[in-house]
């Protein structure tokens, strides 16, 4: 997961027909709020979440998008 500070977003343009916007984010701002983790820690956390049942499954892309938006 990557955290993006809302204050770091700079609006550039939008495409209303496609429901998209274009923003600019400084990599320094992303580094400021995200600490690096060794890959083995990330894998261990993912395995623990899987073992504990802390995950969801989706049969369609539409259900995945709905879960991400909630």
PDB file of N, CA and C in Angstrom:
ATOM      1  N   UNK A   1       0.844  -1.163   0.000  1.00  0.00           N
ATOM      2  CA  UNK A   1       0.000   0.000   0.000  1.00  0.00           C
ATOM      3  C   UNK A   1       0.895   1.233   0.000  1.00  0.00           C
ATOM      4  N   UNK A   2       0.498   2.214  -0.755  1.00  0.00           N
ATOM      5  CA  UNK A   2       1.220   3.476  -0.806  1.00  0.00           C
ATOM      6  C   UNK A   2       0.286   4.570  -0.324  1.00  0.00           C
ATOM      7  N   UNK A   3       0.724   5.346   0.654  1.00  0.00           N
ATOM      8  CA  UNK A   3      -0.043   6.487   1.143  1.00  0.00           C
ATOM      9  C   UNK A   3       0.323   7.719   0.342  1.00  0.00           C
ATOM     10  N   UNK A   4      -0.686   8.470  -0.075  1.00  0.00           N
ATOM     11  CA  UNK A   4      -0.465   9.699  -0.827  1.00  0.00           C
ATOM     12  C   UNK A   4      -1.107  10.837  -0.048  1.00  0.00           C
ATOM     13  N   UNK A   5      -0.326  11.817   0.394  1.00  0.00           N
ATOM     14  CA  UNK A   5      -0.910  12.941   1.126  1.00  0.00           C
ATOM     15  C   UNK A   5      -1.741  13.820   0.187  1.00  0.00           C
ATOM     16  N   UNK A   6      -2.979  14.096   0.578  1.00  0.00           N
ATOM     17  CA  UNK A   6      -3.852  14.902  -0.277  1.00  0.00           C
ATOM     18  C   UNK A   6      -3.289  16.293  -0.529  1.00  0.00           C
ATOM     19  N   UNK A   7      -2.568  16.826   0.430  1.00  0.00           N
ATOM     20  CA  UNK A   7      -1.984  18.159   0.254  1.00  0.00           C
ATOM     21  C   UNK A   7      -0.898  18.177  -0.815  1.00  0.00           C
ATOM     22  N   UNK A   8      -0.407  17.008  -1.196  1.00  0.00           N
ATOM     23  CA  UNK A   8       0.661  16.927  -2.192  1.00  0.00           C
ATOM     24  C   UNK A   8       0.134  16.819  -3.622  1.00  0.00           C
ATOM     25  N   UNK A   9      -1.178  16.668  -3.781  1.00  0.00           N
ATOM     26  CA  UNK A   9      -1.755  16.535  -5.112  1.00  0.00           C
ATOM     27  C   UNK A   9      -1.882  17.897  -5.785  1.00  0.00           C
ATOM     28  N   UNK A  10      -1.418  17.974  -7.022  1.00  0.00           N
ATOM     29  CA  UNK A  10      -1.559  19.196  -7.815  1.00  0.00           C
ATOM     30  C   UNK A  10      -2.413  18.850  -9.033  1.00  0.00           C
ATOM     31  N   UNK A  11      -3.583  19.461  -9.116  1.00  0.00           N
ATOM     32  CA  UNK A  11      -4.524  19.203 -10.202  1.00  0.00           C
ATOM     33  C   UNK A  11      -3.966  19.721 -11.523  1.00  0.00           C
ATOM     34  N   UNK A  12      -4.013  18.905 -12.569  1.00  0.00           N
ATOM     35  CA  UNK A  12      -3.538  19.322 -13.882  1.00  0.00           C
ATOM     36  C   UNK A  12      -4.686  19.473 -14.877  1.00  0.00           C
ATOM     37  N   UNK A  13      -5.523  18.451 -15.035  1.00  0.00           N
ATOM     38  CA  UNK A  13      -6.657  18.537 -15.946  1.00  0.00           C
ATOM     39  C   UNK A  13      -7.622  17.400 -15.676  1.00  0.00           C
ATOM     40  N   UNK A  14      -8.765  17.434 -16.395  1.00  0.00           N
ATOM     41  CA  UNK A  14      -9.748  16.361 -16.219  1.00  0.00           C
ATOM     42  C   UNK A  14     -10.373  16.006 -17.552  1.00  0.00           C
ATOM     43  N   UNK A  15     -10.909  14.795 -17.577  1.00  0.00           N
ATOM     44  CA  UNK A  15     -11.619  14.282 -18.738  1.00  0.00           C
ATOM     45  C   UNK A  15     -12.990  13.811 -18.246  1.00  0.00           C
ATOM     46  N   UNK A  16     -13.993  14.704 -18.245  1.00  0.00           N
ATOM     47  CA  UNK A  16     -15.295  14.348 -17.671  1.00  0.00           C
ATOM     48  C   UNK A  16     -15.963  13.164 -18.364  1.00  0.00           C
ATOM     49  N   UNK A  17     -15.793  13.048 -19.664  1.00  0.00           N
ATOM     50  CA  UNK A  17     -16.430  11.936 -20.383  1.00  0.00           C
ATOM     51  C   UNK A  17     -15.896  10.586 -19.905  1.00  0.00           C
ATOM     52  N   UNK A  18     -14.608  10.517 -19.611  1.00  0.00           N
ATOM     53  CA  UNK A  18     -13.981   9.272 -19.150  1.00  0.00           C
ATOM     54  C   UNK A  18     -13.947   9.161 -17.632  1.00  0.00           C
ATOM     55  N   UNK A  19     -14.443  10.203 -16.930  1.00  0.00           N
ATOM     56  CA  UNK A  19     -14.443  10.242 -15.463  1.00  0.00           C
ATOM     57  C   UNK A  19     -13.037  10.069 -14.914  1.00  0.00           C
ATOM     58  N   UNK A  20     -12.091  10.822 -15.472  1.00  0.00           N
ATOM     59  CA  UNK A  20     -10.702  10.758 -15.041  1.00  0.00           C
ATOM     60  C   UNK A  20     -10.168  12.161 -14.802  1.00  0.00           C
ATOM     61  N   UNK A  21      -9.213  12.255 -13.877  1.00  0.00           N
ATOM     62  CA  UNK A  21      -8.482  13.498 -13.673  1.00  0.00           C
ATOM     63  C   UNK A  21      -6.993  13.184 -13.727  1.00  0.00           C
ATOM     64  N   UNK A  22      -6.215  14.189 -14.035  1.00  0.00           N
ATOM     65  CA  UNK A  22      -4.760  14.035 -14.061  1.00  0.00           C
ATOM     66  C   UNK A  22      -4.193  14.921 -12.959  1.00  0.00           C
ATOM     67  N   UNK A  23      -3.379  14.321 -12.098  1.00  0.00           N
ATOM     68  CA  UNK A  23      -2.751  15.052 -11.008  1.00  0.00           C
ATOM     69  C   UNK A  23      -1.246  14.816 -11.041  1.00  0.00           C
ATOM     70  N   UNK A  24      -0.540  15.680 -10.379  1.00  0.00           N
ATOM     71  CA  UNK A  24       0.915  15.563 -10.250  1.00  0.00           C
ATOM     72  C   UNK A  24       1.228  15.400  -8.770  1.00  0.00           C
ATOM     73  N   UNK A  25       2.132  14.466  -8.456  1.00  0.00           N
ATOM     74  CA  UNK A  25       2.532  14.214  -7.067  1.00  0.00           C
ATOM     75  C   UNK A  25       4.047  14.187  -7.005  1.00  0.00           C
ATOM     76  N   UNK A  26       4.594  14.912  -6.067  1.00  0.00           N
ATOM     77  CA  UNK A  26       6.035  14.928  -5.889  1.00  0.00           C
ATOM     78  C   UNK A  26       6.496  13.611  -5.259  1.00  0.00           C
ATOM     79  N   UNK A  27       7.545  13.030  -5.796  1.00  0.00           N
ATOM     80  CA  UNK A  27       8.078  11.798  -5.206  1.00  0.00           C
ATOM     81  C   UNK A  27       8.632  12.057  -3.803  1.00  0.00           C
ATOM     82  N   UNK A  28       9.091  13.271  -3.551  1.00  0.00           N
ATOM     83  CA  UNK A  28       9.564  13.602  -2.201  1.00  0.00           C
ATOM     84  C   UNK A  28       8.433  13.518  -1.187  1.00  0.00           C
ATOM     85  N   UNK A  29       7.219  13.963  -1.579  1.00  0.00           N
ATOM     86  CA  UNK A  29       6.067  13.876  -0.678  1.00  0.00           C
ATOM     87  C   UNK A  29       5.672  12.432  -0.415  1.00  0.00           C
ATOM     88  N   UNK A  30       5.760  11.596  -1.430  1.00  0.00           N
ATOM     89  CA  UNK A  30       5.441  10.180  -1.235  1.00  0.00           C
ATOM     90  C   UNK A  30       6.463   9.534  -0.306  1.00  0.00           C
ATOM     91  N   UNK A  31       7.726   9.844  -0.495  1.00  0.00           N
ATOM     92  CA  UNK A  31       8.766   9.287   0.387  1.00  0.00           C
ATOM     93  C   UNK A  31       8.590   9.758   1.822  1.00  0.00           C
ATOM     94  N   UNK A  32       8.117  10.992   1.992  1.00  0.00           N
ATOM     95  CA  UNK A  32       7.967  11.578   3.327  1.00  0.00           C
ATOM     96  C   UNK A  32       6.952  10.809   4.164  1.00  0.00           C
ATOM     97  N   UNK A  33       5.875  10.330   3.556  1.00  0.00           N
ATOM     98  CA  UNK A  33       4.820   9.664   4.323  1.00  0.00           C
ATOM     99  C   UNK A  33       4.846   8.141   4.240  1.00  0.00           C
ATOM    100  N   UNK A  34       5.732   7.585   3.449  1.00  0.00           N
ATOM    101  CA  UNK A  34       5.823   6.134   3.306  1.00  0.00           C
ATOM    102  C   UNK A  34       7.210   5.654   3.708  1.00  0.00           C
ATOM    103  N   UNK A  35       7.233   4.777   4.673  1.00  0.00           N
ATOM    104  CA  UNK A  35       8.524   4.224   5.073  1.00  0.00           C
ATOM    105  C   UNK A  35       8.797   2.957   4.275  1.00  0.00           C
ATOM    106  N   UNK A  36      10.039   2.745   3.949  1.00  0.00           N
ATOM    107  CA  UNK A  36      10.415   1.549   3.197  1.00  0.00           C
ATOM    108  C   UNK A  36      10.383   0.337   4.118  1.00  0.00           C
ATOM    109  N   UNK A  37       9.910  -0.781   3.594  1.00  0.00           N
ATOM    110  CA  UNK A  37       9.895  -2.032   4.345  1.00  0.00           C
ATOM    111  C   UNK A  37      10.640  -3.086   3.546  1.00  0.00           C
ATOM    112  N   UNK A  38      11.405  -3.896   4.231  1.00  0.00           N
ATOM    113  CA  UNK A  38      12.064  -4.992   3.514  1.00  0.00           C
ATOM    114  C   UNK A  38      11.018  -5.941   2.931  1.00  0.00           C
ATOM    115  N   UNK A  39      11.334  -6.519   1.795  1.00  0.00           N
ATOM    116  CA  UNK A  39      10.402  -7.398   1.095  1.00  0.00           C
ATOM    117  C   UNK A  39       9.966  -8.575   1.956  1.00  0.00           C
ATOM    118  N   UNK A  40      10.855  -9.122   2.769  1.00  0.00           N
ATOM    119  CA  UNK A  40      10.480 -10.263   3.599  1.00  0.00           C
ATOM    120  C   UNK A  40       9.438  -9.880   4.644  1.00  0.00           C
ATOM    121  N   UNK A  41       9.460  -8.625   5.131  1.00  0.00           N
ATOM    122  CA  UNK A  41       8.432  -8.173   6.072  1.00  0.00           C
ATOM    123  C   UNK A  41       7.083  -8.060   5.385  1.00  0.00           C
ATOM    124  N   UNK A  42       7.074  -7.552   4.164  1.00  0.00           N
ATOM    125  CA  UNK A  42       5.832  -7.418   3.408  1.00  0.00           C
ATOM    126  C   UNK A  42       5.234  -8.794   3.143  1.00  0.00           C
ATOM    127  N   UNK A  43       6.063  -9.753   2.749  1.00  0.00           N
ATOM    128  CA  UNK A  43       5.583 -11.108   2.481  1.00  0.00           C
ATOM    129  C   UNK A  43       5.072 -11.761   3.759  1.00  0.00           C
ATOM    130  N   UNK A  44       5.766 -11.576   4.864  1.00  0.00           N
ATOM    131  CA  UNK A  44       5.331 -12.155   6.139  1.00  0.00           C
ATOM    132  C   UNK A  44       3.974 -11.595   6.554  1.00  0.00           C
ATOM    133  N   UNK A  45       3.779 -10.286   6.398  1.00  0.00           N
ATOM    134  CA  UNK A  45       2.502  -9.670   6.740  1.00  0.00           C
ATOM    135  C   UNK A  45       1.386 -10.198   5.848  1.00  0.00           C
ATOM    136  N   UNK A  46       1.677 -10.374   4.564  1.00  0.00           N
ATOM    137  CA  UNK A  46       0.674 -10.897   3.637  1.00  0.00           C
ATOM    138  C   UNK A  46       0.301 -12.330   3.994  1.00  0.00           C
ATOM    139  N   UNK A  47       1.278 -13.151   4.352  1.00  0.00           N
ATOM    140  CA  UNK A  47       1.005 -14.536   4.744  1.00  0.00           C
ATOM    141  C   UNK A  47       0.167 -14.591   6.014  1.00  0.00           C
ATOM    142  N   UNK A  48       0.473 -13.714   6.972  1.00  0.00           N
ATOM    143  CA  UNK A  48      -0.295 -13.662   8.217  1.00  0.00           C
ATOM    144  C   UNK A  48      -1.741 -13.252   7.937  1.00  0.00           C
ATOM    145  N   UNK A  49      -1.925 -12.221   7.109  1.00  0.00           N
ATOM    146  CA  UNK A  49      -3.283 -11.801   6.751  1.00  0.00           C
ATOM    147  C   UNK A  49      -4.047 -12.946   6.098  1.00  0.00           C
ATOM    148  N   UNK A  50      -3.395 -13.677   5.202  1.00  0.00           N
ATOM    149  CA  UNK A  50      -4.035 -14.815   4.534  1.00  0.00           C
ATOM    150  C   UNK A  50      -4.409 -15.894   5.546  1.00  0.00           C
ATOM    151  N   UNK A  51      -3.496 -16.218   6.457  1.00  0.00           N
ATOM    152  CA  UNK A  51      -3.752 -17.253   7.456  1.00  0.00           C
ATOM    153  C   UNK A  51      -4.891 -16.868   8.390  1.00  0.00           C
ATOM    154  N   UNK A  52      -5.003 -15.581   8.700  1.00  0.00           N
ATOM    155  CA  UNK A  52      -6.059 -15.108   9.598  1.00  0.00           C
ATOM    156  C   UNK A  52      -7.381 -14.856   8.873  1.00  0.00           C
ATOM    157  N   UNK A  53      -7.366 -14.956   7.564  1.00  0.00           N
ATOM    158  CA  UNK A  53      -8.590 -14.733   6.796  1.00  0.00           C
ATOM    159  C   UNK A  53      -8.888 -13.266   6.551  1.00  0.00           C
ATOM    160  N   UNK A  54      -7.887 -12.412   6.679  1.00  0.00           N
ATOM    161  CA  UNK A  54      -8.065 -10.970   6.470  1.00  0.00           C
ATOM    162  C   UNK A  54      -7.911 -10.627   4.990  1.00  0.00           C
ATOM    163  N   UNK A  55      -8.828 -11.134   4.182  1.00  0.00           N
ATOM    164  CA  UNK A  55      -8.800 -10.845   2.753  1.00  0.00           C
ATOM    165  C   UNK A  55     -10.198 -11.072   2.193  1.00  0.00           C
ATOM    166  N   UNK A  56     -10.432 -10.585   0.996  1.00  0.00           N
ATOM    167  CA  UNK A  56     -11.700 -10.822   0.319  1.00  0.00           C
ATOM    168  C   UNK A  56     -11.418 -11.380  -1.066  1.00  0.00           C
ATOM    169  N   UNK A  57     -12.388 -12.067  -1.605  1.00  0.00           N
ATOM    170  CA  UNK A  57     -12.276 -12.565  -2.971  1.00  0.00           C
ATOM    171  C   UNK A  57     -13.410 -11.970  -3.791  1.00  0.00           C
ATOM    172  N   UNK A  58     -13.173 -11.807  -5.073  1.00  0.00           N
ATOM    173  CA  UNK A  58     -14.161 -11.210  -5.962  1.00  0.00           C
ATOM    174  C   UNK A  58     -14.224 -12.017  -7.255  1.00  0.00           C
ATOM    175  N   UNK A  59     -15.446 -12.274  -7.707  1.00  0.00           N
ATOM    176  CA  UNK A  59     -15.640 -13.031  -8.937  1.00  0.00           C
ATOM    177  C   UNK A  59     -15.604 -12.137 -10.168  1.00  0.00           C
ATOM    178  N   UNK A  60     -15.858 -10.844  -9.956  1.00  0.00           N
ATOM    179  CA  UNK A  60     -15.873  -9.923 -11.098  1.00  0.00           C
ATOM    180  C   UNK A  60     -15.095  -8.661 -10.766  1.00  0.00           C
ATOM    181  N   UNK A  61     -14.659  -7.984 -11.807  1.00  0.00           N
ATOM    182  CA  UNK A  61     -13.967  -6.705 -11.614  1.00  0.00           C
ATOM    183  C   UNK A  61     -14.900  -5.672 -11.002  1.00  0.00           C
ATOM    184  N   UNK A  62     -16.179  -5.753 -11.348  1.00  0.00           N
ATOM    185  CA  UNK A  62     -17.167  -4.807 -10.830  1.00  0.00           C
ATOM    186  C   UNK A  62     -17.284  -4.911  -9.306  1.00  0.00           C
ATOM    187  N   UNK A  63     -17.286  -6.129  -8.767  1.00  0.00           N
ATOM    188  CA  UNK A  63     -17.373  -6.291  -7.312  1.00  0.00           C
ATOM    189  C   UNK A  63     -16.091  -5.827  -6.630  1.00  0.00           C
ATOM    190  N   UNK A  64     -14.947  -6.022  -7.270  1.00  0.00           N
ATOM    191  CA  UNK A  64     -13.677  -5.528  -6.722  1.00  0.00           C
ATOM    192  C   UNK A  64     -13.688  -4.017  -6.661  1.00  0.00           C
ATOM    193  N   UNK A  65     -14.112  -3.370  -7.721  1.00  0.00           N
ATOM    194  CA  UNK A  65     -14.160  -1.905  -7.756  1.00  0.00           C
ATOM    195  C   UNK A  65     -15.124  -1.377  -6.698  1.00  0.00           C
ATOM    196  N   UNK A  66     -16.260  -2.020  -6.538  1.00  0.00           N
ATOM    197  CA  UNK A  66     -17.222  -1.596  -5.512  1.00  0.00           C
ATOM    198  C   UNK A  66     -16.624  -1.720  -4.117  1.00  0.00           C
ATOM    199  N   UNK A  67     -15.867  -2.776  -3.856  1.00  0.00           N
ATOM    200  CA  UNK A  67     -15.235  -2.946  -2.550  1.00  0.00           C
ATOM    201  C   UNK A  67     -14.144  -1.898  -2.326  1.00  0.00           C
ATOM    202  N   UNK A  68     -13.400  -1.575  -3.347  1.00  0.00           N
ATOM    203  CA  UNK A  68     -12.354  -0.573  -3.212  1.00  0.00           C
ATOM    204  C   UNK A  68     -12.927   0.817  -2.987  1.00  0.00           C
ATOM    205  N   UNK A  69     -14.099   1.097  -3.566  1.00  0.00           N
ATOM    206  CA  UNK A  69     -14.725   2.402  -3.406  1.00  0.00           C
ATOM    207  C   UNK A  69     -15.411   2.557  -2.056  1.00  0.00           C
ATOM    208  N   UNK A  70     -15.717   1.468  -1.376  1.00  0.00           N
ATOM    209  CA  UNK A  70     -16.423   1.559  -0.087  1.00  0.00           C
ATOM    210  C   UNK A  70     -15.496   1.875   1.051  1.00  0.00           C
TER     211      UNK A  70
END
